[in-house]
Amino acid sequence: HNTTLVNLDLWDNKLGDVGAHHLAHWLQHNSSVTSLYLENNDIGDTGAHHLADAVGRHPTLTALDFEDNKIGDGGVHHLAIALQHNSVL
């Protein structure tokens, strides 16, 4: 179990929805991330939906940036619902 707090900056990596899905799975098993920067990664609604579940329940995440992705109304809706359940973000 890793207890070192981490700022994870994945800016401009072109993760896309598939990468967002894998990142979401990893986040569900890693409670050390405090900041997650996902600017310019071609993440769309599907990727946002996957990430919403992970960040909504994440116990240490205090900063999140989705700037310059391809997230539309559907993805934003999932993120908004998930973030209502996160008391630290």
PDB file of N, CA and C in Angstrom:
ATOM      1  N   HIS A   1       0.846  -1.185   0.000  1.00  0.00           N
ATOM      2  CA  HIS A   1       0.000   0.000   0.000  1.00  0.00           C
ATOM      3  C   HIS A   1       0.883   1.237   0.000  1.00  0.00           C
ATOM      4  N   ASN A   2       0.704   2.103  -0.977  1.00  0.00           N
ATOM      5  CA  ASN A   2       1.518   3.310  -1.122  1.00  0.00           C
ATOM      6  C   ASN A   2       0.857   4.458  -0.373  1.00  0.00           C
ATOM      7  N   THR A   3       1.580   5.088   0.569  1.00  0.00           N
ATOM      8  CA  THR A   3       1.008   6.197   1.329  1.00  0.00           C
ATOM      9  C   THR A   3       1.614   7.532   0.934  1.00  0.00           C
ATOM     10  N   THR A   4       2.519   7.565  -0.026  1.00  0.00           N
ATOM     11  CA  THR A   4       3.095   8.806  -0.509  1.00  0.00           C
ATOM     12  C   THR A   4       2.063   9.535  -1.364  1.00  0.00           C
ATOM     13  N   LEU A   5       1.804  10.805  -1.044  1.00  0.00           N
ATOM     14  CA  LEU A   5       0.836  11.570  -1.817  1.00  0.00           C
ATOM     15  C   LEU A   5       1.457  12.020  -3.124  1.00  0.00           C
ATOM     16  N   VAL A   6       0.676  11.976  -4.199  1.00  0.00           N
ATOM     17  CA  VAL A   6       1.197  12.170  -5.545  1.00  0.00           C
ATOM     18  C   VAL A   6       0.360  13.175  -6.334  1.00  0.00           C
ATOM     19  N   ASN A   7       1.041  14.058  -7.041  1.00  0.00           N
ATOM     20  CA  ASN A   7       0.413  14.898  -8.059  1.00  0.00           C
ATOM     21  C   ASN A   7       0.661  14.210  -9.391  1.00  0.00           C
ATOM     22  N   LEU A   8      -0.386  13.815 -10.064  1.00  0.00           N
ATOM     23  CA  LEU A   8      -0.263  13.086 -11.323  1.00  0.00           C
ATOM     24  C   LEU A   8      -0.609  14.016 -12.474  1.00  0.00           C
ATOM     25  N   ASP A   9       0.388  14.371 -13.268  1.00  0.00           N
ATOM     26  CA  ASP A   9       0.212  15.289 -14.387  1.00  0.00           C
ATOM     27  C   ASP A   9       0.353  14.515 -15.689  1.00  0.00           C
ATOM     28  N   LEU A  10      -0.775  14.282 -16.348  1.00  0.00           N
ATOM     29  CA  LEU A  10      -0.793  13.545 -17.609  1.00  0.00           C
ATOM     30  C   LEU A  10      -1.166  14.450 -18.778  1.00  0.00           C
ATOM     31  N   TRP A  11      -0.764  15.699 -18.693  1.00  0.00           N
ATOM     32  CA  TRP A  11      -1.069  16.689 -19.715  1.00  0.00           C
ATOM     33  C   TRP A  11      -0.563  16.257 -21.082  1.00  0.00           C
ATOM     34  N   ASP A  12      -1.422  16.388 -22.081  1.00  0.00           N
ATOM     35  CA  ASP A  12      -1.073  16.188 -23.482  1.00  0.00           C
ATOM     36  C   ASP A  12      -0.528  14.795 -23.782  1.00  0.00           C
ATOM     37  N   ASN A  13      -1.191  13.773 -23.258  1.00  0.00           N
ATOM     38  CA  ASN A  13      -0.789  12.399 -23.519  1.00  0.00           C
ATOM     39  C   ASN A  13      -1.722  11.662 -24.470  1.00  0.00           C
ATOM     40  N   LYS A  14      -2.796  12.318 -24.885  1.00  0.00           N
ATOM     41  CA  LYS A  14      -3.753  11.725 -25.829  1.00  0.00           C
ATOM     42  C   LYS A  14      -4.281  10.377 -25.324  1.00  0.00           C
ATOM     43  N   LEU A  15      -4.668  10.338 -24.064  1.00  0.00           N
ATOM     44  CA  LEU A  15      -5.176   9.106 -23.466  1.00  0.00           C
ATOM     45  C   LEU A  15      -6.435   8.598 -24.152  1.00  0.00           C
ATOM     46  N   GLY A  16      -7.324   9.508 -24.506  1.00  0.00           N
ATOM     47  CA  GLY A  16      -8.588   9.113 -25.111  1.00  0.00           C
ATOM     48  C   GLY A  16      -9.467   8.380 -24.114  1.00  0.00           C
ATOM     49  N   ASP A  17     -10.567   7.854 -24.600  1.00  0.00           N
ATOM     50  CA  ASP A  17     -11.510   7.158 -23.730  1.00  0.00           C
ATOM     51  C   ASP A  17     -10.956   5.840 -23.201  1.00  0.00           C
ATOM     52  N   VAL A  18     -10.189   5.134 -24.015  1.00  0.00           N
ATOM     53  CA  VAL A  18      -9.615   3.856 -23.573  1.00  0.00           C
ATOM     54  C   VAL A  18      -8.605   4.098 -22.455  1.00  0.00           C
ATOM     55  N   GLY A  19      -7.742   5.065 -22.628  1.00  0.00           N
ATOM     56  CA  GLY A  19      -6.770   5.400 -21.586  1.00  0.00           C
ATOM     57  C   GLY A  19      -7.447   5.886 -20.316  1.00  0.00           C
ATOM     58  N   ALA A  20      -8.533   6.655 -20.462  1.00  0.00           N
ATOM     59  CA  ALA A  20      -9.285   7.134 -19.306  1.00  0.00           C
ATOM     60  C   ALA A  20      -9.900   5.965 -18.545  1.00  0.00           C
ATOM     61  N   HIS A  21     -10.358   4.960 -19.285  1.00  0.00           N
ATOM     62  CA  HIS A  21     -10.916   3.756 -18.659  1.00  0.00           C
ATOM     63  C   HIS A  21      -9.850   3.054 -17.810  1.00  0.00           C
ATOM     64  N   HIS A  22      -8.666   2.885 -18.342  1.00  0.00           N
ATOM     65  CA  HIS A  22      -7.578   2.232 -17.602  1.00  0.00           C
ATOM     66  C   HIS A  22      -7.136   3.084 -16.410  1.00  0.00           C
ATOM     67  N   LEU A  23      -7.069   4.390 -16.600  1.00  0.00           N
ATOM     68  CA  LEU A  23      -6.701   5.292 -15.519  1.00  0.00           C
ATOM     69  C   LEU A  23      -7.738   5.230 -14.396  1.00  0.00           C
ATOM     70  N   ALA A  24      -9.002   5.175 -14.744  1.00  0.00           N
ATOM     71  CA  ALA A  24     -10.062   5.078 -13.743  1.00  0.00           C
ATOM     72  C   ALA A  24      -9.912   3.814 -12.913  1.00  0.00           C
ATOM     73  N   HIS A  25      -9.629   2.706 -13.584  1.00  0.00           N
ATOM     74  CA  HIS A  25      -9.421   1.438 -12.873  1.00  0.00           C
ATOM     75  C   HIS A  25      -8.232   1.557 -11.916  1.00  0.00           C
ATOM     76  N   TRP A  26      -7.154   2.152 -12.366  1.00  0.00           N
ATOM     77  CA  TRP A  26      -5.968   2.333 -11.534  1.00  0.00           C
ATOM     78  C   TRP A  26      -6.284   3.235 -10.334  1.00  0.00           C
ATOM     79  N   LEU A  27      -7.038   4.309 -10.566  1.00  0.00           N
ATOM     80  CA  LEU A  27      -7.385   5.236  -9.483  1.00  0.00           C
ATOM     81  C   LEU A  27      -8.220   4.564  -8.392  1.00  0.00           C
ATOM     82  N   GLN A  28      -9.033   3.607  -8.768  1.00  0.00           N
ATOM     83  CA  GLN A  28      -9.857   2.914  -7.783  1.00  0.00           C
ATOM     84  C   GLN A  28      -9.013   2.098  -6.814  1.00  0.00           C
ATOM     85  N   HIS A  29      -7.768   1.816  -7.190  1.00  0.00           N
ATOM     86  CA  HIS A  29      -6.883   1.013  -6.348  1.00  0.00           C
ATOM     87  C   HIS A  29      -5.693   1.814  -5.834  1.00  0.00           C
ATOM     88  N   ASN A  30      -5.715   3.128  -6.014  1.00  0.00           N
ATOM     89  CA  ASN A  30      -4.604   3.968  -5.587  1.00  0.00           C
ATOM     90  C   ASN A  30      -5.165   5.175  -4.845  1.00  0.00           C
ATOM     91  N   SER A  31      -4.960   5.202  -3.554  1.00  0.00           N
ATOM     92  CA  SER A  31      -5.501   6.298  -2.745  1.00  0.00           C
ATOM     93  C   SER A  31      -4.465   7.364  -2.432  1.00  0.00           C
ATOM     94  N   SER A  32      -3.346   7.360  -3.124  1.00  0.00           N
ATOM     95  CA  SER A  32      -2.298   8.340  -2.824  1.00  0.00           C
ATOM     96  C   SER A  32      -2.328   9.567  -3.733  1.00  0.00           C
ATOM     97  N   VAL A  33      -3.109   9.551  -4.788  1.00  0.00           N
ATOM     98  CA  VAL A  33      -3.155  10.678  -5.717  1.00  0.00           C
ATOM     99  C   VAL A  33      -3.957  11.821  -5.102  1.00  0.00           C
ATOM    100  N   THR A  34      -3.343  13.015  -5.073  1.00  0.00           N
ATOM    101  CA  THR A  34      -4.038  14.194  -4.547  1.00  0.00           C
ATOM    102  C   THR A  34      -4.443  15.156  -5.663  1.00  0.00           C
ATOM    103  N   SER A  35      -3.701  15.169  -6.758  1.00  0.00           N
ATOM    104  CA  SER A  35      -3.990  16.064  -7.879  1.00  0.00           C
ATOM    105  C   SER A  35      -3.901  15.275  -9.173  1.00  0.00           C
ATOM    106  N   LEU A  36      -4.875  15.495 -10.055  1.00  0.00           N
ATOM    107  CA  LEU A  36      -4.913  14.792 -11.330  1.00  0.00           C
ATOM    108  C   LEU A  36      -5.156  15.803 -12.441  1.00  0.00           C
ATOM    109  N   TYR A  37      -4.172  15.956 -13.303  1.00  0.00           N
ATOM    110  CA  TYR A  37      -4.232  16.920 -14.398  1.00  0.00           C
ATOM    111  C   TYR A  37      -4.321  16.168 -15.718  1.00  0.00           C
ATOM    112  N   LEU A  38      -5.446  16.301 -16.390  1.00  0.00           N
ATOM    113  CA  LEU A  38      -5.714  15.555 -17.622  1.00  0.00           C
ATOM    114  C   LEU A  38      -5.975  16.471 -18.809  1.00  0.00           C
ATOM    115  N   GLU A  39      -5.325  17.625 -18.841  1.00  0.00           N
ATOM    116  CA  GLU A  39      -5.540  18.563 -19.933  1.00  0.00           C
ATOM    117  C   GLU A  39      -5.107  17.979 -21.272  1.00  0.00           C
ATOM    118  N   ASN A  40      -5.885  18.271 -22.306  1.00  0.00           N
ATOM    119  CA  ASN A  40      -5.534  17.933 -23.685  1.00  0.00           C
ATOM    120  C   ASN A  40      -5.239  16.445 -23.871  1.00  0.00           C
ATOM    121  N   ASN A  41      -6.229  15.608 -23.557  1.00  0.00           N
ATOM    122  CA  ASN A  41      -6.056  14.164 -23.667  1.00  0.00           C
ATOM    123  C   ASN A  41      -7.099  13.475 -24.530  1.00  0.00           C
ATOM    124  N   ASP A  42      -7.891  14.236 -25.279  1.00  0.00           N
ATOM    125  CA  ASP A  42      -8.907  13.651 -26.164  1.00  0.00           C
ATOM    126  C   ASP A  42      -9.904  12.764 -25.423  1.00  0.00           C
ATOM    127  N   ILE A  43     -10.170  13.077 -24.165  1.00  0.00           N
ATOM    128  CA  ILE A  43     -11.146  12.318 -23.387  1.00  0.00           C
ATOM    129  C   ILE A  43     -12.540  12.815 -23.755  1.00  0.00           C
ATOM    130  N   GLY A  44     -13.413  11.873 -24.092  1.00  0.00           N
ATOM    131  CA  GLY A  44     -14.793  12.201 -24.446  1.00  0.00           C
ATOM    132  C   GLY A  44     -15.757  11.775 -23.354  1.00  0.00           C
ATOM    133  N   ASP A  45     -17.026  11.684 -23.714  1.00  0.00           N
ATOM    134  CA  ASP A  45     -18.061  11.333 -22.744  1.00  0.00           C
ATOM    135  C   ASP A  45     -17.848   9.956 -22.121  1.00  0.00           C
ATOM    136  N   THR A  46     -17.446   8.994 -22.923  1.00  0.00           N
ATOM    137  CA  THR A  46     -17.236   7.636 -22.406  1.00  0.00           C
ATOM    138  C   THR A  46     -16.111   7.623 -21.366  1.00  0.00           C
ATOM    139  N   GLY A  47     -15.001   8.261 -21.681  1.00  0.00           N
ATOM    140  CA  GLY A  47     -13.885   8.336 -20.740  1.00  0.00           C
ATOM    141  C   GLY A  47     -14.250   9.089 -19.476  1.00  0.00           C
ATOM    142  N   ALA A  48     -15.019  10.166 -19.632  1.00  0.00           N
ATOM    143  CA  ALA A  48     -15.461  10.944 -18.474  1.00  0.00           C
ATOM    144  C   ALA A  48     -16.365  10.109 -17.579  1.00  0.00           C
ATOM    145  N   HIS A  49     -17.207   9.281 -18.193  1.00  0.00           N
ATOM    146  CA  HIS A  49     -18.086   8.413 -17.423  1.00  0.00           C
ATOM    147  C   HIS A  49     -17.268   7.429 -16.588  1.00  0.00           C
ATOM    148  N   HIS A  50     -16.249   6.832 -17.176  1.00  0.00           N
ATOM    149  CA  HIS A  50     -15.380   5.910 -16.438  1.00  0.00           C
ATOM    150  C   HIS A  50     -14.671   6.637 -15.295  1.00  0.00           C
ATOM    151  N   LEU A  51     -14.131   7.802 -15.587  1.00  0.00           N
ATOM    152  CA  LEU A  51     -13.400   8.558 -14.568  1.00  0.00           C
ATOM    153  C   LEU A  51     -14.314   9.086 -13.474  1.00  0.00           C
ATOM    154  N   ALA A  52     -15.560   9.374 -13.807  1.00  0.00           N
ATOM    155  CA  ALA A  52     -16.494   9.903 -12.813  1.00  0.00           C
ATOM    156  C   ALA A  52     -16.635   8.960 -11.629  1.00  0.00           C
ATOM    157  N   ASP A  53     -16.769   7.689 -11.885  1.00  0.00           N
ATOM    158  CA  ASP A  53     -16.896   6.724 -10.794  1.00  0.00           C
ATOM    159  C   ASP A  53     -15.664   6.714  -9.907  1.00  0.00           C
ATOM    160  N   ALA A  54     -14.497   6.788 -10.519  1.00  0.00           N
ATOM    161  CA  ALA A  54     -13.245   6.735  -9.760  1.00  0.00           C
ATOM    162  C   ALA A  54     -13.015   8.004  -8.942  1.00  0.00           C
ATOM    163  N   VAL A  55     -13.211   9.166  -9.538  1.00  0.00           N
ATOM    164  CA  VAL A  55     -12.933  10.413  -8.804  1.00  0.00           C
ATOM    165  C   VAL A  55     -14.043  10.729  -7.806  1.00  0.00           C
ATOM    166  N   GLY A  56     -15.229  10.252  -8.057  1.00  0.00           N
ATOM    167  CA  GLY A  56     -16.331  10.510  -7.135  1.00  0.00           C
ATOM    168  C   GLY A  56     -16.132   9.864  -5.782  1.00  0.00           C
ATOM    169  N   ARG A  57     -15.415   8.758  -5.753  1.00  0.00           N
ATOM    170  CA  ARG A  57     -15.185   8.031  -4.503  1.00  0.00           C
ATOM    171  C   ARG A  57     -13.746   8.131  -4.008  1.00  0.00           C
ATOM    172  N   HIS A  58     -12.928   8.911  -4.687  1.00  0.00           N
ATOM    173  CA  HIS A  58     -11.508   8.961  -4.336  1.00  0.00           C
ATOM    174  C   HIS A  58     -11.297   9.721  -3.026  1.00  0.00           C
ATOM    175  N   PRO A  59     -10.604   9.126  -2.055  1.00  0.00           N
ATOM    176  CA  PRO A  59     -10.509   9.715  -0.715  1.00  0.00           C
ATOM    177  C   PRO A  59      -9.500  10.848  -0.550  1.00  0.00           C
ATOM    178  N   THR A  60      -8.554  11.003  -1.485  1.00  0.00           N
ATOM    179  CA  THR A  60      -7.510  12.013  -1.289  1.00  0.00           C
ATOM    180  C   THR A  60      -7.402  13.027  -2.419  1.00  0.00           C
ATOM    181  N   LEU A  61      -8.189  12.882  -3.454  1.00  0.00           N
ATOM    182  CA  LEU A  61      -8.106  13.758  -4.624  1.00  0.00           C
ATOM    183  C   LEU A  61      -8.675  15.136  -4.294  1.00  0.00           C
ATOM    184  N   THR A  62      -7.818  16.162  -4.351  1.00  0.00           N
ATOM    185  CA  THR A  62      -8.250  17.526  -4.022  1.00  0.00           C
ATOM    186  C   THR A  62      -8.192  18.464  -5.218  1.00  0.00           C
ATOM    187  N   ALA A  63      -7.602  18.030  -6.334  1.00  0.00           N
ATOM    188  CA  ALA A  63      -7.531  18.864  -7.538  1.00  0.00           C
ATOM    189  C   ALA A  63      -7.728  17.984  -8.771  1.00  0.00           C
ATOM    190  N   LEU A  64      -8.521  18.492  -9.720  1.00  0.00           N
ATOM    191  CA  LEU A  64      -8.834  17.747 -10.929  1.00  0.00           C
ATOM    192  C   LEU A  64      -8.988  18.735 -12.075  1.00  0.00           C
ATOM    193  N   ASP A  65      -8.306  18.468 -13.199  1.00  0.00           N
ATOM    194  CA  ASP A  65      -8.366  19.381 -14.344  1.00  0.00           C
ATOM    195  C   ASP A  65      -8.604  18.582 -15.622  1.00  0.00           C
ATOM    196  N   PHE A  66      -9.731  18.876 -16.283  1.00  0.00           N
ATOM    197  CA  PHE A  66     -10.103  18.237 -17.548  1.00  0.00           C
ATOM    198  C   PHE A  66     -10.047  19.211 -18.712  1.00  0.00           C
ATOM    199  N   GLU A  67      -9.325  20.287 -18.579  1.00  0.00           N
ATOM    200  CA  GLU A  67      -9.303  21.335 -19.600  1.00  0.00           C
ATOM    201  C   GLU A  67      -8.922  20.783 -20.976  1.00  0.00           C
ATOM    202  N   ASP A  68      -9.562  21.315 -22.000  1.00  0.00           N
ATOM    203  CA  ASP A  68      -9.237  21.036 -23.393  1.00  0.00           C
ATOM    204  C   ASP A  68      -9.337  19.553 -23.758  1.00  0.00           C
ATOM    205  N   ASN A  69     -10.472  18.940 -23.409  1.00  0.00           N
ATOM    206  CA  ASN A  69     -10.777  17.587 -23.825  1.00  0.00           C
ATOM    207  C   ASN A  69     -12.022  17.629 -24.709  1.00  0.00           C
ATOM    208  N   LYS A  70     -12.637  16.505 -24.939  1.00  0.00           N
ATOM    209  CA  LYS A  70     -13.809  16.430 -25.818  1.00  0.00           C
ATOM    210  C   LYS A  70     -15.046  15.981 -25.048  1.00  0.00           C
ATOM    211  N   ILE A  71     -15.148  16.402 -23.804  1.00  0.00           N
ATOM    212  CA  ILE A  71     -16.245  15.989 -22.936  1.00  0.00           C
ATOM    213  C   ILE A  71     -17.459  16.860 -23.223  1.00  0.00           C
ATOM    214  N   GLY A  72     -18.556  16.191 -23.561  1.00  0.00           N
ATOM    215  CA  GLY A  72     -19.802  16.893 -23.848  1.00  0.00           C
ATOM    216  C   GLY A  72     -20.750  16.859 -22.663  1.00  0.00           C
ATOM    217  N   ASP A  73     -22.004  17.168 -22.927  1.00  0.00           N
ATOM    218  CA  ASP A  73     -23.015  17.239 -21.876  1.00  0.00           C
ATOM    219  C   ASP A  73     -23.160  15.928 -21.106  1.00  0.00           C
ATOM    220  N   GLY A  74     -23.116  14.806 -21.795  1.00  0.00           N
ATOM    221  CA  GLY A  74     -23.270  13.507 -21.126  1.00  0.00           C
ATOM    222  C   GLY A  74     -22.149  13.233 -20.142  1.00  0.00           C
ATOM    223  N   GLY A  75     -20.919  13.488 -20.556  1.00  0.00           N
ATOM    224  CA  GLY A  75     -19.778  13.278 -19.669  1.00  0.00           C
ATOM    225  C   GLY A  75     -19.778  14.230 -18.493  1.00  0.00           C
ATOM    226  N   VAL A  76     -20.125  15.480 -18.751  1.00  0.00           N
ATOM    227  CA  VAL A  76     -20.194  16.470 -17.675  1.00  0.00           C
ATOM    228  C   VAL A  76     -21.270  16.076 -16.667  1.00  0.00           C
ATOM    229  N   HIS A  77     -22.368  15.559 -17.155  1.00  0.00           N
ATOM    230  CA  HIS A  77     -23.453  15.117 -16.267  1.00  0.00           C
ATOM    231  C   HIS A  77     -22.949  14.035 -15.299  1.00  0.00           C
ATOM    232  N   HIS A  78     -22.244  13.030 -15.824  1.00  0.00           N
ATOM    233  CA  HIS A  78     -21.714  11.955 -14.975  1.00  0.00           C
ATOM    234  C   HIS A  78     -20.703  12.499 -13.973  1.00  0.00           C
ATOM    235  N   LEU A  79     -19.845  13.392 -14.417  1.00  0.00           N
ATOM    236  CA  LEU A  79     -18.860  13.983 -13.507  1.00  0.00           C
ATOM    237  C   LEU A  79     -19.541  14.794 -12.409  1.00  0.00           C
ATOM    238  N   ALA A  80     -20.539  15.575 -12.761  1.00  0.00           N
ATOM    239  CA  ALA A  80     -21.238  16.397 -11.777  1.00  0.00           C
ATOM    240  C   ALA A  80     -21.905  15.540 -10.705  1.00  0.00           C
ATOM    241  N   ILE A  81     -22.537  14.478 -11.116  1.00  0.00           N
ATOM    242  CA  ILE A  81     -23.177  13.574 -10.150  1.00  0.00           C
ATOM    243  C   ILE A  81     -22.133  12.944  -9.235  1.00  0.00           C
ATOM    244  N   ALA A  82     -21.045  12.473  -9.825  1.00  0.00           N
ATOM    245  CA  ALA A  82     -20.000  11.815  -9.034  1.00  0.00           C
ATOM    246  C   ALA A  82     -19.360  12.779  -8.040  1.00  0.00           C
ATOM    247  N   LEU A  83     -19.134  14.007  -8.470  1.00  0.00           N
ATOM    248  CA  LEU A  83     -18.465  14.967  -7.597  1.00  0.00           C
ATOM    249  C   LEU A  83     -19.330  15.390  -6.422  1.00  0.00           C
ATOM    250  N   GLN A  84     -20.611  15.187  -6.501  1.00  0.00           N
ATOM    251  CA  GLN A  84     -21.484  15.472  -5.362  1.00  0.00           C
ATOM    252  C   GLN A  84     -21.193  14.540  -4.193  1.00  0.00           C
ATOM    253  N   HIS A  85     -20.560  13.404  -4.479  1.00  0.00           N
ATOM    254  CA  HIS A  85     -20.263  12.406  -3.448  1.00  0.00           C
ATOM    255  C   HIS A  85     -18.838  12.488  -2.925  1.00  0.00           C
ATOM    256  N   ASN A  86     -18.052  13.406  -3.455  1.00  0.00           N
ATOM    257  CA  ASN A  86     -16.660  13.542  -3.030  1.00  0.00           C
ATOM    258  C   ASN A  86     -16.549  14.763  -2.128  1.00  0.00           C
ATOM    259  N   SER A  87     -16.257  14.535  -0.868  1.00  0.00           N
ATOM    260  CA  SER A  87     -16.217  15.644   0.094  1.00  0.00           C
ATOM    261  C   SER A  87     -14.870  16.333   0.172  1.00  0.00           C
ATOM    262  N   VAL A  88     -13.846  15.826  -0.500  1.00  0.00           N
ATOM    263  CA  VAL A  88     -12.515  16.448  -0.439  1.00  0.00           C
ATOM    264  C   VAL A  88     -12.141  17.189  -1.710  1.00  0.00           C
ATOM    265  N   LEU A  89     -12.817  16.913  -2.806  1.00  0.00           N
ATOM    266  CA  LEU A  89     -12.474  17.535  -4.083  1.00  0.00           C
ATOM    267  C   LEU A  89     -13.185  18.867  -4.240  1.00  0.00           C
TER     268      LEU A  89
END
